């Protein structure tokens, strides 16, 4: 098959093949954001100066607005460095902007102003400046991030399709399967026919155009046919076990996401035993997280084994389709387990 090697350590899905969206937060965007806030603050000061307001009610509140932009920038980058969710970042930005708005009102307004009016004005000023900063600083980053993810998804999909074709149509896989069919034709014709049917299904699925994202059930059906061919070819030395929870079968996943993991478990795990090689595929929900597990009872991975194309594709595909997902590998002399974890609610389907 494709000869893909397994990784010897767990890794995060963030090791993707496209540039980080943080690069879109360029110095130009930062300068534009501060320039926009400074312009708004200058307009505010000029208006108050023309009204004859004292410097305490003009320069100082305007300076506070610029300081607010600096605090929002530093806070945004700090939260991003900790992989904080966007909802938390949004709430933090609203709170910070409101506090700075209250400070601006306190420095600018008459103390006789009613509390309700002062509170409303604080929210208006704080969120106004914060929104202006976000429009100039964050929006270009978000737009570029979306474009990068779209380009990455297209690139990974094309690479995955090529890997799929290599795996399913590689000459020695076809030849070995056809040799097994030929050997079974006389003594076990029914098994030979079943093997040919399974091979035909694999070839048809590989050649037909189908959506990149499809229900897990479709992949499980494909893997069962793939496993059936391997079990016949390695009778007595290889066996598959399936533990697929019914509630997981409708979850949409990248096409053939588990095939490289299953292939690795066979080639580098179960078939390394003289007899009794077992590969288990298990799917389940654990605490609102979808777990996809492929394990074998092979001798485990050799120290220093490097990650190959198959595992790299798995990591990149889940990171694009399901941000926050991860692939973890565990290995010992009793076997190897590959676990994909995808945050997901069973109720979401």
Protein backbone atom coordinates (compact mmCIF):
# COMPACT_ATOMS: atom_id res chain seq x y z
CA UNK A 1 0.00 0.00 0.00
CA UNK A 2 1.16 3.57 0.54
CA UNK A 3 3.88 2.75 3.05
CA UNK A 4 2.95 5.49 5.47
CA UNK A 5 4.72 5.57 8.82
CA UNK A 6 3.20 6.29 12.19
CA UNK A 7 4.23 9.10 14.46
CA UNK A 8 5.89 8.30 17.76
CA UNK A 9 4.35 11.13 19.71
CA UNK A 10 1.04 12.89 19.97
CA UNK A 11 0.61 16.17 18.19
CA UNK A 12 -1.79 19.05 17.89
CA UNK A 13 -3.85 19.80 14.82
CA UNK A 14 -2.33 23.23 14.58
CA UNK A 15 0.66 21.96 12.54
CA UNK A 16 -1.04 22.82 9.30
CA UNK A 17 0.36 23.63 5.90
CA UNK A 18 -0.84 27.20 5.57
CA UNK A 19 0.39 30.45 7.11
CA UNK A 20 -0.94 31.46 10.49
CA UNK A 21 -3.70 34.04 10.46
CA UNK A 22 -1.63 36.05 12.93
CA UNK A 23 0.47 37.14 9.97
CA UNK A 24 -2.52 39.05 8.66
CA UNK A 25 -2.27 41.32 11.72
CA UNK A 26 0.45 43.29 9.97
CA UNK A 27 2.06 46.55 11.17
CA UNK A 28 0.00 48.29 8.49
CA UNK A 29 -3.25 47.09 10.07
CA UNK A 30 -1.97 48.14 13.48
CA UNK A 31 -1.03 51.60 12.20
CA UNK A 32 -4.40 52.00 10.50
CA UNK A 33 -6.25 50.96 13.67
CA UNK A 34 -4.35 53.41 15.88
CA UNK A 35 -4.64 56.07 13.21
CA UNK A 36 -8.41 55.67 13.03
CA UNK A 37 -8.76 55.82 16.82
CA UNK A 38 -6.37 58.79 17.04
CA UNK A 39 -8.35 60.59 14.33
CA UNK A 40 -11.57 59.97 16.23
CA UNK A 41 -9.94 61.21 19.44
CA UNK A 42 -8.59 64.32 17.66
CA UNK A 43 -12.03 65.09 16.25
CA UNK A 44 -13.45 64.69 19.74
CA UNK A 45 -10.84 67.08 21.21
CA UNK A 46 -11.37 69.63 18.45
CA UNK A 47 -15.12 69.60 18.97
CA UNK A 48 -14.74 70.14 22.71
CA UNK A 49 -12.10 72.82 22.21
CA UNK A 50 -14.45 74.76 19.93
CA UNK A 51 -17.06 74.47 22.65
CA UNK A 52 -14.60 76.12 25.04
CA UNK A 53 -14.14 73.03 27.21
CA UNK A 54 -11.05 72.83 29.43
CA UNK A 55 -8.04 70.67 28.54
CA UNK A 56 -9.06 68.16 31.23
CA UNK A 57 -12.24 67.51 29.30
CA UNK A 58 -10.52 67.30 25.89
CA UNK A 59 -6.95 66.03 25.77
CA UNK A 60 -7.11 63.52 28.64
CA UNK A 61 -10.27 61.66 27.46
CA UNK A 62 -8.85 61.56 23.93
CA UNK A 63 -5.63 60.07 25.26
CA UNK A 64 -7.68 57.46 27.11
CA UNK A 65 -9.25 56.44 23.78
CA UNK A 66 -5.84 55.81 22.25
CA UNK A 67 -4.73 53.90 25.34
CA UNK A 68 -7.89 51.78 24.97
CA UNK A 69 -6.76 50.79 21.46
CA UNK A 70 -3.35 49.79 22.83
CA UNK A 71 -4.90 47.68 25.60
CA UNK A 72 -7.27 46.00 23.15
CA UNK A 73 -4.36 45.14 20.85
CA UNK A 74 -2.18 43.69 23.61
CA UNK A 75 -5.11 41.80 25.12
CA UNK A 76 -6.16 40.42 21.74
CA UNK A 77 -2.68 39.08 21.00
CA UNK A 78 -2.30 37.62 24.49
CA UNK A 79 -5.62 35.80 24.26
CA UNK A 80 -4.75 34.49 20.79
CA UNK A 81 -1.42 33.18 22.05
CA UNK A 82 -3.40 31.12 24.58
CA UNK A 83 -5.78 29.80 21.87
CA UNK A 84 -8.75 31.45 23.56
CA UNK A 85 -12.12 31.06 21.89
CA UNK A 86 -13.61 33.95 19.95
CA UNK A 87 -16.60 34.26 22.27
CA UNK A 88 -14.31 34.81 25.26
CA UNK A 89 -12.27 37.33 23.27
CA UNK A 90 -15.42 39.19 22.27
CA UNK A 91 -16.71 39.34 25.85
CA UNK A 92 -13.30 40.51 27.09
CA UNK A 93 -13.23 43.24 24.42
CA UNK A 94 -16.71 44.45 25.37
CA UNK A 95 -15.82 44.57 29.08
CA UNK A 96 -12.54 46.43 28.46
CA UNK A 97 -14.23 48.89 26.08
CA UNK A 98 -17.02 49.57 28.57
CA UNK A 99 -14.53 50.25 31.37
CA UNK A 100 -12.56 52.65 29.19
CA UNK A 101 -15.80 54.29 28.13
CA UNK A 102 -16.70 54.82 31.78
CA UNK A 103 -13.26 56.34 32.44
CA UNK A 104 -13.68 58.68 29.46
CA UNK A 105 -17.09 59.80 30.71
CA UNK A 106 -15.75 60.35 34.22
CA UNK A 107 -12.88 62.52 32.92
CA UNK A 108 -15.06 64.41 30.46
CA UNK A 109 -18.51 64.86 31.95
CA UNK A 110 -20.12 66.92 34.63
CA UNK A 111 -20.38 65.01 37.90
CA UNK A 112 -24.00 66.13 38.13
CA UNK A 113 -24.90 63.83 35.21
CA UNK A 114 -27.37 61.13 36.19
CA UNK A 115 -25.98 57.64 36.71
CA UNK A 116 -28.19 56.12 34.02
CA UNK A 117 -27.14 58.68 31.43
CA UNK A 118 -23.47 58.34 32.39
CA UNK A 119 -23.69 54.54 32.07
CA UNK A 120 -25.35 54.74 28.65
CA UNK A 121 -22.77 57.27 27.46
CA UNK A 122 -19.92 55.09 28.78
CA UNK A 123 -21.17 52.09 26.79
CA UNK A 124 -21.67 54.22 23.68
CA UNK A 125 -18.19 55.77 23.77
CA UNK A 126 -16.35 52.60 24.81
CA UNK A 127 -17.99 50.30 22.29
CA UNK A 128 -17.78 52.96 19.59
CA UNK A 129 -14.01 53.25 19.92
CA UNK A 130 -13.65 49.49 20.41
CA UNK A 131 -15.76 48.80 17.33
CA UNK A 132 -13.73 51.23 15.24
CA UNK A 133 -10.51 49.52 16.38
CA UNK A 134 -11.92 46.05 15.65
CA UNK A 135 -13.16 47.12 12.21
CA UNK A 136 -9.71 48.28 11.12
CA UNK A 137 -7.52 45.82 13.05
CA UNK A 138 -9.43 42.53 13.38
CA UNK A 139 -11.64 42.44 10.29
CA UNK A 140 -8.77 42.13 7.76
CA UNK A 141 -7.28 39.33 9.87
CA UNK A 142 -10.58 37.45 9.99
CA UNK A 143 -11.16 37.83 6.24
CA UNK A 144 -7.67 36.63 5.41
CA UNK A 145 -7.97 33.75 7.83
CA UNK A 146 -11.15 32.59 6.07
CA UNK A 147 -9.43 32.81 2.68
CA UNK A 148 -6.40 30.88 3.93
CA UNK A 149 -8.59 28.13 5.37
CA UNK A 150 -10.51 27.88 2.11
CA UNK A 151 -7.31 27.57 0.07
CA UNK A 152 -5.89 25.06 2.55
CA UNK A 153 -9.05 22.97 2.43
CA UNK A 154 -8.92 22.82 -1.37
CA UNK A 155 -5.24 21.87 -1.35
CA UNK A 156 -5.68 19.18 1.31
CA UNK A 157 -8.73 17.77 -0.46
CA UNK A 158 -6.80 17.38 -3.72
CA UNK A 159 -3.87 15.78 -1.93
CA UNK A 160 -6.20 13.45 -0.05
CA UNK A 161 -7.89 12.39 -3.26
CA UNK A 162 -4.52 11.53 -4.79
CA UNK A 163 -3.53 9.61 -1.66
CA UNK A 164 -6.83 7.73 -1.80
CA UNK A 165 -6.28 6.74 -5.42
CA UNK A 166 -2.73 5.60 -4.69
CA UNK A 167 -3.97 3.53 -1.76
CA UNK A 168 -6.91 1.90 -3.52
CA UNK A 169 -5.54 1.51 -7.03
CA UNK A 170 -1.87 0.87 -6.44
CA UNK A 171 -0.77 -1.98 -8.72
CA UNK A 172 0.52 -4.36 -6.06
CA UNK A 173 -2.69 -3.99 -4.01
CA UNK A 174 -4.73 -4.90 -7.08
CA UNK A 175 -2.40 -7.71 -8.05
CA UNK A 176 -2.33 -9.25 -4.58
CA UNK A 177 -6.11 -9.09 -4.38
CA UNK A 178 -6.55 -10.64 -7.83
CA UNK A 179 -4.06 -13.38 -6.96
CA UNK A 180 -6.13 -14.14 -3.86
CA UNK A 181 -9.27 -14.30 -6.03
CA UNK A 182 -7.56 -16.65 -8.48
CA UNK A 183 -6.46 -18.95 -5.66
CA UNK A 184 -10.01 -19.09 -4.30
CA UNK A 185 -11.85 -19.52 -7.60
CA UNK A 186 -11.72 -23.34 -7.63
CA UNK A 187 -11.91 -24.25 -3.94
CA UNK A 188 -14.03 -21.38 -2.58
CA UNK A 189 -15.86 -19.65 -5.47
CA UNK A 190 -18.32 -17.86 -3.18
CA UNK A 191 -15.48 -16.25 -1.24
CA UNK A 192 -13.79 -15.31 -4.52
CA UNK A 193 -17.00 -13.65 -5.77
CA UNK A 194 -17.39 -11.75 -2.48
CA UNK A 195 -13.80 -10.57 -2.74
CA UNK A 196 -14.29 -9.36 -6.30
CA UNK A 197 -17.47 -7.51 -5.29
CA UNK A 198 -15.66 -5.79 -2.45
CA UNK A 199 -12.79 -4.80 -4.73
CA UNK A 200 -15.23 -3.44 -7.30
CA UNK A 201 -16.95 -1.32 -4.65
CA UNK A 202 -13.60 0.15 -3.58
CA UNK A 203 -12.60 0.97 -7.14
CA UNK A 204 -15.96 2.54 -7.93
CA UNK A 205 -15.86 4.68 -4.80
CA UNK A 206 -12.30 5.78 -5.59
CA UNK A 207 -13.14 6.79 -9.15
CA UNK A 208 -16.54 8.38 -8.56
CA UNK A 209 -16.82 12.02 -7.57
CA UNK A 210 -18.31 12.35 -4.09
CA UNK A 211 -18.49 15.09 -1.44
CA UNK A 212 -15.37 15.72 0.62
CA UNK A 213 -17.51 15.71 3.78
CA UNK A 214 -19.84 12.77 4.27
CA UNK A 215 -21.42 10.85 7.18
CA UNK A 216 -19.17 8.54 9.19
CA UNK A 217 -21.44 5.65 8.22
CA UNK A 218 -20.34 5.94 4.57
CA UNK A 219 -16.70 5.69 5.58
CA UNK A 220 -17.38 2.73 7.88
CA UNK A 221 -19.06 0.87 5.00
CA UNK A 222 -16.03 1.58 2.77
CA UNK A 223 -13.61 0.42 5.49
CA UNK A 224 -15.56 -2.80 6.04
CA UNK A 225 -15.12 -3.72 2.37
CA UNK A 226 -11.45 -2.76 2.56
CA UNK A 227 -11.06 -4.90 5.70
CA UNK A 228 -12.88 -7.82 4.10
CA UNK A 229 -10.29 -7.95 1.31
CA UNK A 230 -7.43 -7.85 3.79
CA UNK A 231 -8.97 -10.55 6.01
CA UNK A 232 -9.30 -12.92 3.05
CA UNK A 233 -5.78 -12.18 1.84
CA UNK A 234 -4.32 -12.76 5.33
CA UNK A 235 -6.63 -15.47 6.63
CA UNK A 236 -5.53 -16.80 9.98
CA UNK A 237 -3.23 -13.88 10.71
CA UNK A 238 -5.52 -10.83 10.56
CA UNK A 239 -8.91 -10.05 12.04
CA UNK A 240 -10.96 -6.86 12.35
CA UNK A 241 -13.32 -5.88 15.15
CA UNK A 242 -15.93 -3.11 14.86
CA UNK A 243 -17.37 -1.21 17.80
CA UNK A 244 -19.32 1.60 16.15
CA UNK A 245 -21.82 3.46 18.34
CA UNK A 246 -25.07 4.05 16.43
CA UNK A 247 -25.28 7.69 17.51
CA UNK A 248 -21.94 8.46 15.81
CA UNK A 249 -22.75 7.23 12.32
CA UNK A 250 -24.46 10.44 11.15
CA UNK A 251 -21.58 12.74 12.14
CA UNK A 252 -20.11 14.46 9.04
CA UNK A 253 -16.39 13.84 8.60
CA UNK A 254 -13.79 14.26 5.83
CA UNK A 255 -13.98 11.41 3.35
CA UNK A 256 -11.79 8.38 4.21
CA UNK A 257 -10.33 10.14 7.24
CA UNK A 258 -9.72 6.83 9.04
CA UNK A 259 -8.28 4.84 6.12
CA UNK A 260 -4.61 5.82 6.74
CA UNK A 261 -4.97 4.93 10.43
CA UNK A 262 -6.49 1.56 9.60
CA UNK A 263 -3.79 0.85 7.02
CA UNK A 264 -1.03 1.71 9.48
CA UNK A 265 -2.59 -0.51 12.13
CA UNK A 266 -2.58 -3.41 9.66
CA UNK A 267 0.82 -2.96 8.07
CA UNK A 268 2.86 -1.77 11.04
CA UNK A 269 0.86 -3.50 13.76
CA UNK A 270 -1.30 -6.56 13.32
CA UNK A 271 0.65 -8.11 10.44
CA UNK A 272 3.88 -7.89 12.44
CA UNK A 273 2.57 -10.76 14.58
CA UNK A 274 3.01 -14.30 13.39
CA UNK A 275 -0.65 -15.02 14.05
CA UNK A 276 -3.63 -13.54 15.81
CA UNK A 277 -3.23 -9.98 14.54
CA UNK A 278 -6.25 -7.85 15.49
CA UNK A 279 -7.29 -4.35 14.43
CA UNK A 280 -10.14 -2.66 16.31
CA UNK A 281 -12.08 0.39 15.14
CA UNK A 282 -14.17 2.08 17.83
CA UNK A 283 -16.37 5.18 17.67
CA UNK A 284 -18.19 6.78 20.62
CA UNK A 285 -19.18 10.01 22.30
CA UNK A 286 -17.37 10.88 25.53
CA UNK A 287 -18.37 14.09 27.33
CA UNK A 288 -19.68 15.75 24.15
CA UNK A 289 -16.53 14.77 22.26
CA UNK A 290 -16.52 12.34 19.35
CA UNK A 291 -13.76 9.76 19.74
CA UNK A 292 -12.55 7.72 16.76
CA UNK A 293 -10.12 5.01 17.85
CA UNK A 294 -8.06 2.62 15.71
CA UNK A 295 -5.87 0.20 17.67
CA UNK A 296 -3.87 -2.94 16.98
CA UNK A 297 -2.11 -5.63 19.02
CA UNK A 298 1.19 -5.33 17.17
CA UNK A 299 4.66 -4.86 18.69
CA UNK A 300 4.36 -1.08 18.93
CA UNK A 301 6.27 1.67 17.14
CA UNK A 302 10.01 1.84 16.97
CA UNK A 303 11.64 4.80 18.74
CA UNK A 304 12.21 7.73 16.42
CA UNK A 305 9.58 6.71 13.88
CA UNK A 306 8.74 9.76 11.81
CA UNK A 307 5.32 10.91 10.67
CA UNK A 308 4.47 10.12 7.06
CA UNK A 309 2.05 11.49 4.50
CA UNK A 310 -0.96 9.63 5.87
CA UNK A 311 -0.81 10.97 9.41
CA UNK A 312 0.05 14.47 8.21
CA UNK A 313 -3.03 14.45 6.00
CA UNK A 314 -5.21 13.24 8.87
CA UNK A 315 -4.00 16.05 11.14
CA UNK A 316 -4.44 18.72 8.49
CA UNK A 317 -7.85 17.52 7.34
CA UNK A 318 -9.36 17.43 10.83
CA UNK A 319 -7.88 20.82 11.69
CA UNK A 320 -9.56 22.36 8.63
CA UNK A 321 -12.91 20.55 8.92
CA UNK A 322 -13.09 20.58 12.74
CA UNK A 323 -10.98 23.32 14.43
CA UNK A 324 -10.08 22.16 17.93
CA UNK A 325 -9.86 18.48 16.95
CA UNK A 326 -6.73 16.45 17.74
CA UNK A 327 -4.95 13.22 16.85
CA UNK A 328 -3.20 11.37 19.68
CA UNK A 329 -1.00 8.29 19.35
CA UNK A 330 -0.13 5.88 22.16
CA UNK A 331 2.19 2.90 21.69
CA UNK A 332 3.66 0.10 23.78
CA UNK A 333 4.79 -3.48 23.34
CA UNK A 334 1.10 -4.48 23.57
CA UNK A 335 0.10 -2.45 20.52
CA UNK A 336 -0.64 1.03 19.19
CA UNK A 337 -3.73 3.17 19.55
CA UNK A 338 -4.58 6.21 17.38
CA UNK A 339 -7.34 8.43 18.77
CA UNK A 340 -9.04 11.31 17.00
CA UNK A 341 -11.05 13.58 19.29
CA UNK A 342 -13.51 16.06 17.78
CA UNK A 343 -15.56 18.45 19.95
CA UNK A 344 -19.12 17.67 18.98
CA UNK A 345 -22.56 17.38 20.52
CA UNK A 346 -24.52 14.20 19.71
CA UNK A 347 -27.67 16.32 19.50
CA UNK A 348 -26.06 18.39 16.73
CA UNK A 349 -26.12 15.36 14.47
